[in-house]
Amino acid sequence: MIGTETKLILVAAGVAVVGAWYMSSRLPEMATALPGVIANTGAGVAIGIGDVLGLPRTDETECQKAIREGRTWDASFACPAGTFLGSLWGQL
């Protein structure tokens, strides 16, 4: 007679096999989505760190307004780093 622990191990192994088979059939789809997942995860981490440190979240309209009005100091807080640095490069 098969014990309870053996039954649980067999069920877990069966679930693992079915899960691996299912994941392998969706591998191309997952590979296509992976860069977006990594980018969104990175963005979420950056936003979370900013919230913990008390940094204000970026507001694209305020960013563009500050750049347009030449308020570099305000733009440095309202813009993402790449946008802010790009605006400085364009002003030089």
PDB file of N, CA and C in Angstrom:
ATOM      1  N   MET A   1       0.839  -1.170   0.000  1.00  0.00           N
ATOM      2  CA  MET A   1       0.000   0.000   0.000  1.00  0.00           C
ATOM      3  C   MET A   1       0.891   1.243   0.000  1.00  0.00           C
ATOM      4  N   ILE A   2       0.498   2.273  -0.776  1.00  0.00           N
ATOM      5  CA  ILE A   2       1.274   3.505  -0.896  1.00  0.00           C
ATOM      6  C   ILE A   2       0.911   4.426   0.265  1.00  0.00           C
ATOM      7  N   GLY A   3       1.944   4.976   0.909  1.00  0.00           N
ATOM      8  CA  GLY A   3       1.722   5.869   2.036  1.00  0.00           C
ATOM      9  C   GLY A   3       1.280   7.254   1.585  1.00  0.00           C
ATOM     10  N   THR A   4       0.813   8.033   2.541  1.00  0.00           N
ATOM     11  CA  THR A   4       0.324   9.379   2.267  1.00  0.00           C
ATOM     12  C   THR A   4       1.445  10.277   1.736  1.00  0.00           C
ATOM     13  N   GLU A   5       2.623  10.164   2.324  1.00  0.00           N
ATOM     14  CA  GLU A   5       3.745  10.989   1.878  1.00  0.00           C
ATOM     15  C   GLU A   5       4.121  10.664   0.440  1.00  0.00           C
ATOM     16  N   THR A   6       4.108   9.385   0.091  1.00  0.00           N
ATOM     17  CA  THR A   6       4.439   8.976  -1.269  1.00  0.00           C
ATOM     18  C   THR A   6       3.410   9.512  -2.251  1.00  0.00           C
ATOM     19  N   LYS A   7       2.129   9.483  -1.888  1.00  0.00           N
ATOM     20  CA  LYS A   7       1.078  10.022  -2.744  1.00  0.00           C
ATOM     21  C   LYS A   7       1.285  11.514  -2.976  1.00  0.00           C
ATOM     22  N   LEU A   8       1.610  12.245  -1.925  1.00  0.00           N
ATOM     23  CA  LEU A   8       1.844  13.682  -2.059  1.00  0.00           C
ATOM     24  C   LEU A   8       3.040  13.976  -2.963  1.00  0.00           C
ATOM     25  N   ILE A   9       4.085  13.185  -2.827  1.00  0.00           N
ATOM     26  CA  ILE A   9       5.267  13.365  -3.667  1.00  0.00           C
ATOM     27  C   ILE A   9       4.924  13.085  -5.127  1.00  0.00           C
ATOM     28  N   LEU A  10       4.158  12.033  -5.387  1.00  0.00           N
ATOM     29  CA  LEU A  10       3.765  11.709  -6.756  1.00  0.00           C
ATOM     30  C   LEU A  10       2.867  12.787  -7.361  1.00  0.00           C
ATOM     31  N   VAL A  11       1.946  13.312  -6.565  1.00  0.00           N
ATOM     32  CA  VAL A  11       1.072  14.389  -7.050  1.00  0.00           C
ATOM     33  C   VAL A  11       1.905  15.630  -7.354  1.00  0.00           C
ATOM     34  N   ALA A  12       2.836  15.989  -6.473  1.00  0.00           N
ATOM     35  CA  ALA A  12       3.692  17.154  -6.697  1.00  0.00           C
ATOM     36  C   ALA A  12       4.549  16.978  -7.942  1.00  0.00           C
ATOM     37  N   ALA A  13       5.077  15.782  -8.134  1.00  0.00           N
ATOM     38  CA  ALA A  13       5.882  15.505  -9.320  1.00  0.00           C
ATOM     39  C   ALA A  13       5.026  15.611 -10.581  1.00  0.00           C
ATOM     40  N   GLY A  14       3.795  15.098 -10.525  1.00  0.00           N
ATOM     41  CA  GLY A  14       2.891  15.195 -11.673  1.00  0.00           C
ATOM     42  C   GLY A  14       2.557  16.640 -12.010  1.00  0.00           C
ATOM     43  N   VAL A  15       2.299  17.439 -10.997  1.00  0.00           N
ATOM     44  CA  VAL A  15       2.017  18.861 -11.219  1.00  0.00           C
ATOM     45  C   VAL A  15       3.241  19.555 -11.823  1.00  0.00           C
ATOM     46  N   ALA A  16       4.420  19.219 -11.344  1.00  0.00           N
ATOM     47  CA  ALA A  16       5.648  19.810 -11.878  1.00  0.00           C
ATOM     48  C   ALA A  16       5.850  19.437 -13.343  1.00  0.00           C
ATOM     49  N   VAL A  17       5.588  18.191 -13.696  1.00  0.00           N
ATOM     50  CA  VAL A  17       5.744  17.744 -15.086  1.00  0.00           C
ATOM     51  C   VAL A  17       4.746  18.454 -15.987  1.00  0.00           C
ATOM     52  N   VAL A  18       3.489  18.518 -15.570  1.00  0.00           N
ATOM     53  CA  VAL A  18       2.467  19.194 -16.370  1.00  0.00           C
ATOM     54  C   VAL A  18       2.801  20.679 -16.494  1.00  0.00           C
ATOM     55  N   GLY A  19       3.243  21.296 -15.418  1.00  0.00           N
ATOM     56  CA  GLY A  19       3.627  22.710 -15.457  1.00  0.00           C
ATOM     57  C   GLY A  19       4.804  22.955 -16.392  1.00  0.00           C
ATOM     58  N   ALA A  20       5.803  22.090 -16.353  1.00  0.00           N
ATOM     59  CA  ALA A  20       6.963  22.237 -17.237  1.00  0.00           C
ATOM     60  C   ALA A  20       6.549  22.061 -18.693  1.00  0.00           C
ATOM     61  N   TRP A  21       5.684  21.108 -18.975  1.00  0.00           N
ATOM     62  CA  TRP A  21       5.208  20.902 -20.341  1.00  0.00           C
ATOM     63  C   TRP A  21       4.446  22.125 -20.831  1.00  0.00           C
ATOM     64  N   TYR A  22       3.566  22.665 -19.994  1.00  0.00           N
ATOM     65  CA  TYR A  22       2.781  23.835 -20.373  1.00  0.00           C
ATOM     66  C   TYR A  22       3.682  25.039 -20.625  1.00  0.00           C
ATOM     67  N   MET A  23       4.653  25.248 -19.746  1.00  0.00           N
ATOM     68  CA  MET A  23       5.565  26.381 -19.903  1.00  0.00           C
ATOM     69  C   MET A  23       6.405  26.232 -21.165  1.00  0.00           C
ATOM     70  N   SER A  24       6.842  25.032 -21.484  1.00  0.00           N
ATOM     71  CA  SER A  24       7.657  24.840 -22.676  1.00  0.00           C
ATOM     72  C   SER A  24       6.856  25.099 -23.952  1.00  0.00           C
ATOM     73  N   SER A  25       5.559  24.846 -23.915  1.00  0.00           N
ATOM     74  CA  SER A  25       4.737  25.107 -25.098  1.00  0.00           C
ATOM     75  C   SER A  25       4.508  26.604 -25.284  1.00  0.00           C
ATOM     76  N   ARG A  26       4.683  27.392 -24.239  1.00  0.00           N
ATOM     77  CA  ARG A  26       4.483  28.839 -24.311  1.00  0.00           C
ATOM     78  C   ARG A  26       5.805  29.610 -24.305  1.00  0.00           C
ATOM     79  N   LEU A  27       6.906  28.925 -24.488  1.00  0.00           N
ATOM     80  CA  LEU A  27       8.222  29.540 -24.404  1.00  0.00           C
ATOM     81  C   LEU A  27       8.422  30.695 -25.384  1.00  0.00           C
ATOM     82  N   PRO A  28       8.046  30.571 -26.659  1.00  0.00           N
ATOM     83  CA  PRO A  28       8.245  31.721 -27.567  1.00  0.00           C
ATOM     84  C   PRO A  28       7.473  32.969 -27.123  1.00  0.00           C
ATOM     85  N   GLU A  29       6.264  32.761 -26.653  1.00  0.00           N
ATOM     86  CA  GLU A  29       5.440  33.883 -26.177  1.00  0.00           C
ATOM     87  C   GLU A  29       6.074  34.532 -24.949  1.00  0.00           C
ATOM     88  N   MET A  30       6.588  33.716 -24.038  1.00  0.00           N
ATOM     89  CA  MET A  30       7.217  34.249 -22.831  1.00  0.00           C
ATOM     90  C   MET A  30       8.510  34.971 -23.169  1.00  0.00           C
ATOM     91  N   ALA A  31       9.266  34.466 -24.139  1.00  0.00           N
ATOM     92  CA  ALA A  31      10.520  35.109 -24.531  1.00  0.00           C
ATOM     93  C   ALA A  31      10.256  36.476 -25.144  1.00  0.00           C
ATOM     94  N   THR A  32       9.154  36.615 -25.856  1.00  0.00           N
ATOM     95  CA  THR A  32       8.798  37.901 -26.444  1.00  0.00           C
ATOM     96  C   THR A  32       8.393  38.893 -25.366  1.00  0.00           C
ATOM     97  N   ALA A  33       7.747  38.441 -24.318  1.00  0.00           N
ATOM     98  CA  ALA A  33       7.268  39.324 -23.259  1.00  0.00           C
ATOM     99  C   ALA A  33       8.338  39.652 -22.227  1.00  0.00           C
ATOM    100  N   LEU A  34       9.416  38.884 -22.177  1.00  0.00           N
ATOM    101  CA  LEU A  34      10.422  39.051 -21.133  1.00  0.00           C
ATOM    102  C   LEU A  34      11.037  40.445 -21.061  1.00  0.00           C
ATOM    103  N   PRO A  35      11.447  41.077 -22.165  1.00  0.00           N
ATOM    104  CA  PRO A  35      12.022  42.421 -22.043  1.00  0.00           C
ATOM    105  C   PRO A  35      11.060  43.423 -21.410  1.00  0.00           C
ATOM    106  N   GLY A  36       9.787  43.341 -21.761  1.00  0.00           N
ATOM    107  CA  GLY A  36       8.800  44.238 -21.158  1.00  0.00           C
ATOM    108  C   GLY A  36       8.639  43.992 -19.678  1.00  0.00           C
ATOM    109  N   VAL A  37       8.672  42.737 -19.287  1.00  0.00           N
ATOM    110  CA  VAL A  37       8.555  42.397 -17.865  1.00  0.00           C
ATOM    111  C   VAL A  37       9.745  42.956 -17.094  1.00  0.00           C
ATOM    112  N   ILE A  38      10.939  42.798 -17.654  1.00  0.00           N
ATOM    113  CA  ILE A  38      12.136  43.310 -16.987  1.00  0.00           C
ATOM    114  C   ILE A  38      12.082  44.830 -16.886  1.00  0.00           C
ATOM    115  N   ALA A  39      11.672  45.502 -17.952  1.00  0.00           N
ATOM    116  CA  ALA A  39      11.594  46.962 -17.940  1.00  0.00           C
ATOM    117  C   ALA A  39      10.561  47.446 -16.931  1.00  0.00           C
ATOM    118  N   ASN A  40       9.394  46.812 -16.919  1.00  0.00           N
ATOM    119  CA  ASN A  40       8.360  47.225 -15.969  1.00  0.00           C
ATOM    120  C   ASN A  40       8.777  46.957 -14.535  1.00  0.00           C
ATOM    121  N   THR A  41       9.485  45.849 -14.310  1.00  0.00           N
ATOM    122  CA  THR A  41       9.975  45.556 -12.969  1.00  0.00           C
ATOM    123  C   THR A  41      10.980  46.607 -12.535  1.00  0.00           C
ATOM    124  N   GLY A  42      11.885  46.961 -13.431  1.00  0.00           N
ATOM    125  CA  GLY A  42      12.868  47.996 -13.120  1.00  0.00           C
ATOM    126  C   GLY A  42      12.212  49.332 -12.838  1.00  0.00           C
ATOM    127  N   ALA A  43      11.204  49.688 -13.617  1.00  0.00           N
ATOM    128  CA  ALA A  43      10.495  50.946 -13.393  1.00  0.00           C
ATOM    129  C   ALA A  43       9.779  50.924 -12.047  1.00  0.00           C
ATOM    130  N   GLY A  44       9.176  49.810 -11.720  1.00  0.00           N
ATOM    131  CA  GLY A  44       8.493  49.697 -10.433  1.00  0.00           C
ATOM    132  C   GLY A  44       9.449  49.808  -9.260  1.00  0.00           C
ATOM    133  N   VAL A  45      10.620  49.206  -9.395  1.00  0.00           N
ATOM    134  CA  VAL A  45      11.629  49.295  -8.337  1.00  0.00           C
ATOM    135  C   VAL A  45      12.082  50.737  -8.178  1.00  0.00           C
ATOM    136  N   ALA A  46      12.327  51.427  -9.296  1.00  0.00           N
ATOM    137  CA  ALA A  46      12.773  52.814  -9.237  1.00  0.00           C
ATOM    138  C   ALA A  46      11.715  53.708  -8.590  1.00  0.00           C
ATOM    139  N   ILE A  47      10.458  53.498  -8.948  1.00  0.00           N
ATOM    140  CA  ILE A  47       9.382  54.293  -8.357  1.00  0.00           C
ATOM    141  C   ILE A  47       9.267  54.000  -6.863  1.00  0.00           C
ATOM    142  N   GLY A  48       9.381  52.724  -6.498  1.00  0.00           N
ATOM    143  CA  GLY A  48       9.302  52.355  -5.079  1.00  0.00           C
ATOM    144  C   GLY A  48      10.426  52.964  -4.270  1.00  0.00           C
ATOM    145  N   ILE A  49      11.644  52.948  -4.789  1.00  0.00           N
ATOM    146  CA  ILE A  49      12.768  53.563  -4.079  1.00  0.00           C
ATOM    147  C   ILE A  49      12.545  55.057  -3.941  1.00  0.00           C
ATOM    148  N   GLY A  50      12.068  55.691  -5.004  1.00  0.00           N
ATOM    149  CA  GLY A  50      11.774  57.124  -4.939  1.00  0.00           C
ATOM    150  C   GLY A  50      10.717  57.443  -3.903  1.00  0.00           C
ATOM    151  N   ASP A  51       9.679  56.609  -3.811  1.00  0.00           N
ATOM    152  CA  ASP A  51       8.638  56.820  -2.802  1.00  0.00           C
ATOM    153  C   ASP A  51       9.198  56.677  -1.396  1.00  0.00           C
ATOM    154  N   VAL A  52      10.066  55.685  -1.189  1.00  0.00           N
ATOM    155  CA  VAL A  52      10.654  55.476   0.135  1.00  0.00           C
ATOM    156  C   VAL A  52      11.540  56.655   0.521  1.00  0.00           C
ATOM    157  N   LEU A  53      12.291  57.176  -0.442  1.00  0.00           N
ATOM    158  CA  LEU A  53      13.199  58.289  -0.171  1.00  0.00           C
ATOM    159  C   LEU A  53      12.481  59.636  -0.124  1.00  0.00           C
ATOM    160  N   GLY A  54      11.212  59.650  -0.510  1.00  0.00           N
ATOM    161  CA  GLY A  54      10.445  60.891  -0.469  1.00  0.00           C
ATOM    162  C   GLY A  54      10.602  61.749  -1.713  1.00  0.00           C
ATOM    163  N   LEU A  55      11.091  61.167  -2.803  1.00  0.00           N
ATOM    164  CA  LEU A  55      11.230  61.921  -4.039  1.00  0.00           C
ATOM    165  C   LEU A  55       9.872  62.009  -4.732  1.00  0.00           C
ATOM    166  N   PRO A  56       9.548  63.174  -5.293  1.00  0.00           N
ATOM    167  CA  PRO A  56       8.262  63.287  -5.981  1.00  0.00           C
ATOM    168  C   PRO A  56       8.267  62.477  -7.275  1.00  0.00           C
ATOM    169  N   ARG A  57       7.114  61.927  -7.611  1.00  0.00           N
ATOM    170  CA  ARG A  57       6.995  61.188  -8.868  1.00  0.00           C
ATOM    171  C   ARG A  57       7.030  62.163 -10.032  1.00  0.00           C
ATOM    172  N   THR A  58       7.561  61.698 -11.155  1.00  0.00           N
ATOM    173  CA  THR A  58       7.679  62.573 -12.314  1.00  0.00           C
ATOM    174  C   THR A  58       6.319  62.819 -12.948  1.00  0.00           C
ATOM    175  N   ASP A  59       6.126  64.025 -13.421  1.00  0.00           N
ATOM    176  CA  ASP A  59       4.897  64.407 -14.099  1.00  0.00           C
ATOM    177  C   ASP A  59       5.304  64.909 -15.479  1.00  0.00           C
ATOM    178  N   GLU A  60       4.970  64.188 -16.503  1.00  0.00           N
ATOM    179  CA  GLU A  60       5.440  64.505 -17.844  1.00  0.00           C
ATOM    180  C   GLU A  60       5.016  65.896 -18.278  1.00  0.00           C
ATOM    181  N   THR A  61       3.810  66.323 -17.962  1.00  0.00           N
ATOM    182  CA  THR A  61       3.370  67.647 -18.372  1.00  0.00           C
ATOM    183  C   THR A  61       4.154  68.730 -17.627  1.00  0.00           C
ATOM    184  N   GLU A  62       4.405  68.540 -16.353  1.00  0.00           N
ATOM    185  CA  GLU A  62       5.206  69.500 -15.596  1.00  0.00           C
ATOM    186  C   GLU A  62       6.645  69.506 -16.101  1.00  0.00           C
ATOM    187  N   CYS A  63       7.139  68.358 -16.483  1.00  0.00           N
ATOM    188  CA  CYS A  63       8.487  68.242 -17.045  1.00  0.00           C
ATOM    189  C   CYS A  63       8.599  69.062 -18.319  1.00  0.00           C
ATOM    190  N   GLN A  64       7.696  68.830 -19.246  1.00  0.00           N
ATOM    191  CA  GLN A  64       7.748  69.547 -20.515  1.00  0.00           C
ATOM    192  C   GLN A  64       7.555  71.049 -20.312  1.00  0.00           C
ATOM    193  N   LYS A  65       6.698  71.409 -19.378  1.00  0.00           N
ATOM    194  CA  LYS A  65       6.461  72.825 -19.089  1.00  0.00           C
ATOM    195  C   LYS A  65       7.724  73.479 -18.536  1.00  0.00           C
ATOM    196  N   ALA A  66       8.395  72.804 -17.609  1.00  0.00           N
ATOM    197  CA  ALA A  66       9.623  73.357 -17.028  1.00  0.00           C
ATOM    198  C   ALA A  66      10.718  73.500 -18.070  1.00  0.00           C
ATOM    199  N   ILE A  67      10.847  72.523 -18.956  1.00  0.00           N
ATOM    200  CA  ILE A  67      11.858  72.608 -20.018  1.00  0.00           C
ATOM    201  C   ILE A  67      11.529  73.751 -20.963  1.00  0.00           C
ATOM    202  N   ARG A  68      10.274  73.855 -21.351  1.00  0.00           N
ATOM    203  CA  ARG A  68       9.858  74.891 -22.293  1.00  0.00           C
ATOM    204  C   ARG A  68      10.088  76.290 -21.713  1.00  0.00           C
ATOM    205  N   GLU A  69       9.846  76.433 -20.386  1.00  0.00           N
ATOM    206  CA  GLU A  69      10.015  77.739 -19.750  1.00  0.00           C
ATOM    207  C   GLU A  69      11.457  78.007 -19.331  1.00  0.00           C
ATOM    208  N   GLY A  70      12.340  77.030 -19.527  1.00  0.00           N
ATOM    209  CA  GLY A  70      13.745  77.229 -19.182  1.00  0.00           C
ATOM    210  C   GLY A  70      14.036  77.116 -17.694  1.00  0.00           C
ATOM    211  N   ARG A  71      13.138  76.514 -16.935  1.00  0.00           N
ATOM    212  CA  ARG A  71      13.338  76.328 -15.491  1.00  0.00           C
ATOM    213  C   ARG A  71      14.085  75.014 -15.263  1.00  0.00           C
ATOM    214  N   THR A  72      15.396  75.093 -15.419  1.00  0.00           N
ATOM    215  CA  THR A  72      16.237  73.897 -15.347  1.00  0.00           C
ATOM    216  C   THR A  72      16.153  73.233 -13.985  1.00  0.00           C
ATOM    217  N   TRP A  73      16.171  74.013 -12.902  1.00  0.00           N
ATOM    218  CA  TRP A  73      16.119  73.454 -11.557  1.00  0.00           C
ATOM    219  C   TRP A  73      14.828  72.662 -11.348  1.00  0.00           C
ATOM    220  N   ASP A  74      13.698  73.248 -11.736  1.00  0.00           N
ATOM    221  CA  ASP A  74      12.411  72.556 -11.595  1.00  0.00           C
ATOM    222  C   ASP A  74      12.350  71.330 -12.506  1.00  0.00           C
ATOM    223  N   ALA A  75      12.926  71.443 -13.706  1.00  0.00           N
ATOM    224  CA  ALA A  75      12.928  70.312 -14.633  1.00  0.00           C
ATOM    225  C   ALA A  75      13.729  69.147 -14.062  1.00  0.00           C
ATOM    226  N   SER A  76      14.772  69.458 -13.290  1.00  0.00           N
ATOM    227  CA  SER A  76      15.592  68.376 -12.729  1.00  0.00           C
ATOM    228  C   SER A  76      14.800  67.512 -11.758  1.00  0.00           C
ATOM    229  N   PHE A  77      13.759  68.072 -11.131  1.00  0.00           N
ATOM    230  CA  PHE A  77      12.927  67.292 -10.219  1.00  0.00           C
ATOM    231  C   PHE A  77      11.720  66.687 -10.921  1.00  0.00           C
ATOM    232  N   ALA A  78      11.204  67.358 -11.953  1.00  0.00           N
ATOM    233  CA  ALA A  78       9.964  66.912 -12.592  1.00  0.00           C
ATOM    234  C   ALA A  78      10.194  65.905 -13.712  1.00  0.00           C
ATOM    235  N   CYS A  79      11.410  65.855 -14.258  1.00  0.00           N
ATOM    236  CA  CYS A  79      11.667  65.019 -15.433  1.00  0.00           C
ATOM    237  C   CYS A  79      12.398  63.736 -15.064  1.00  0.00           C
ATOM    238  N   PRO A  80      12.161  62.667 -15.839  1.00  0.00           N
ATOM    239  CA  PRO A  80      13.027  61.494 -15.719  1.00  0.00           C
ATOM    240  C   PRO A  80      14.448  61.899 -16.123  1.00  0.00           C
ATOM    241  N   ALA A  81      15.432  61.193 -15.610  1.00  0.00           N
ATOM    242  CA  ALA A  81      16.826  61.574 -15.810  1.00  0.00           C
ATOM    243  C   ALA A  81      17.192  61.688 -17.285  1.00  0.00           C
ATOM    244  N   GLY A  82      16.780  60.720 -18.100  1.00  0.00           N
ATOM    245  CA  GLY A  82      17.122  60.757 -19.516  1.00  0.00           C
ATOM    246  C   GLY A  82      16.542  61.969 -20.223  1.00  0.00           C
ATOM    247  N   THR A  83      15.310  62.308 -19.907  1.00  0.00           N
ATOM    248  CA  THR A  83      14.668  63.470 -20.512  1.00  0.00           C
ATOM    249  C   THR A  83      15.348  64.752 -20.071  1.00  0.00           C
ATOM    250  N   PHE A  84      15.654  64.841 -18.775  1.00  0.00           N
ATOM    251  CA  PHE A  84      16.314  66.035 -18.251  1.00  0.00           C
ATOM    252  C   PHE A  84      17.677  66.234 -18.887  1.00  0.00           C
ATOM    253  N   LEU A  85      18.486  65.183 -18.937  1.00  0.00           N
ATOM    254  CA  LEU A  85      19.809  65.297 -19.534  1.00  0.00           C
ATOM    255  C   LEU A  85      19.717  65.615 -21.022  1.00  0.00           C
ATOM    256  N   GLY A  86      18.749  65.053 -21.704  1.00  0.00           N
ATOM    257  CA  GLY A  86      18.552  65.352 -23.109  1.00  0.00           C
ATOM    258  C   GLY A  86      18.178  66.809 -23.316  1.00  0.00           C
ATOM    259  N   SER A  87      17.409  67.365 -22.404  1.00  0.00           N
ATOM    260  CA  SER A  87      17.044  68.778 -22.525  1.00  0.00           C
ATOM    261  C   SER A  87      18.260  69.672 -22.324  1.00  0.00           C
ATOM    262  N   LEU A  88      19.170  69.293 -21.449  1.00  0.00           N
ATOM    263  CA  LEU A  88      20.401  70.054 -21.256  1.00  0.00           C
ATOM    264  C   LEU A  88      21.277  69.985 -22.497  1.00  0.00           C
ATOM    265  N   TRP A  89      21.356  68.808 -23.099  1.00  0.00           N
ATOM    266  CA  TRP A  89      22.179  68.635 -24.293  1.00  0.00           C
ATOM    267  C   TRP A  89      21.625  69.500 -25.431  1.00  0.00           C
ATOM    268  N   GLY A  90      20.311  69.582 -25.530  1.00  0.00           N
ATOM    269  CA  GLY A  90      19.692  70.388 -26.568  1.00  0.00           C
ATOM    270  C   GLY A  90      19.885  71.876 -26.353  1.00  0.00           C
ATOM    271  N   GLN A  91      20.076  72.304 -25.087  1.00  0.00           N
ATOM    272  CA  GLN A  91      20.257  73.716 -24.777  1.00  0.00           C
ATOM    273  C   GLN A  91      21.695  74.157 -24.975  1.00  0.00           C
ATOM    274  N   LEU A  92      22.645  73.221 -25.016  1.00  0.00           N
ATOM    275  CA  LEU A  92      24.053  73.603 -25.140  1.00  0.00           C
ATOM    276  C   LEU A  92      24.421  74.043 -26.518  1.00  0.00           C
TER     277      LEU A  92
END
